[in-house]
């Protein structure tokens, strides 16, 4: 689906299902069953489990991706490497794994905003973004991100000028994407770690923007 301002990249869209779709894998089902038994016996608190999952989903996991983004902002040679071979560039930092062997980095510009989705299942680069958020796997997001990306972004609080092109990239089991957001102004004196603090998980999916310098 292409227009003058919303375009979509399919990459032949050869999705593999199994542990890439929204159904429980055998291991996930076993973990869920064990969690239910332990909860019924009063040995674990589901709220505590949820808090731990949220930490890995929104803080620890995405920190890897944030460091990649910050390095691309501060080292032009690394940014060029990301553009040419994101898989190798990311692996050089030790971030690789079964859920992110083949990566492509897509760079936001003043004229173009990138948005990531997986329309048929829920392929996601765990190695650089941690656990996928629930909404990423939900059918409404997977469908509407393609049909109405501008409206979906607005629901996430990202309201872009009408002149900004939105490119929607459809992940597959073979290829996953990482959005490199634009470096915010006023960060010229920031080191890499401070820059990484500005980068959110949602900014690396495309459903959010980086934090302003004064916010951290």
Foldseek 3Di string as FASTA:
>chain_A
DDDPFEAEDCVVVPADDAPQADDDHPVRVVVVVVVVVCVVVVNDDVVVVVVVLVCQQWPDQQLLQLLLLLCVVVPVVLVVCLQVAVLVSSVVVVQDDQLANGEHEDEDDLQEFEAEAAQGGQRDRCSNRNDHDPVRGDNVCSPCCRVPVQVLLVVLVDHDDPRHGYYYYHDHSRYDYWYNYDQDPPCVPPDSSLSSQQDTSCVRNRSDHTHDSVVD
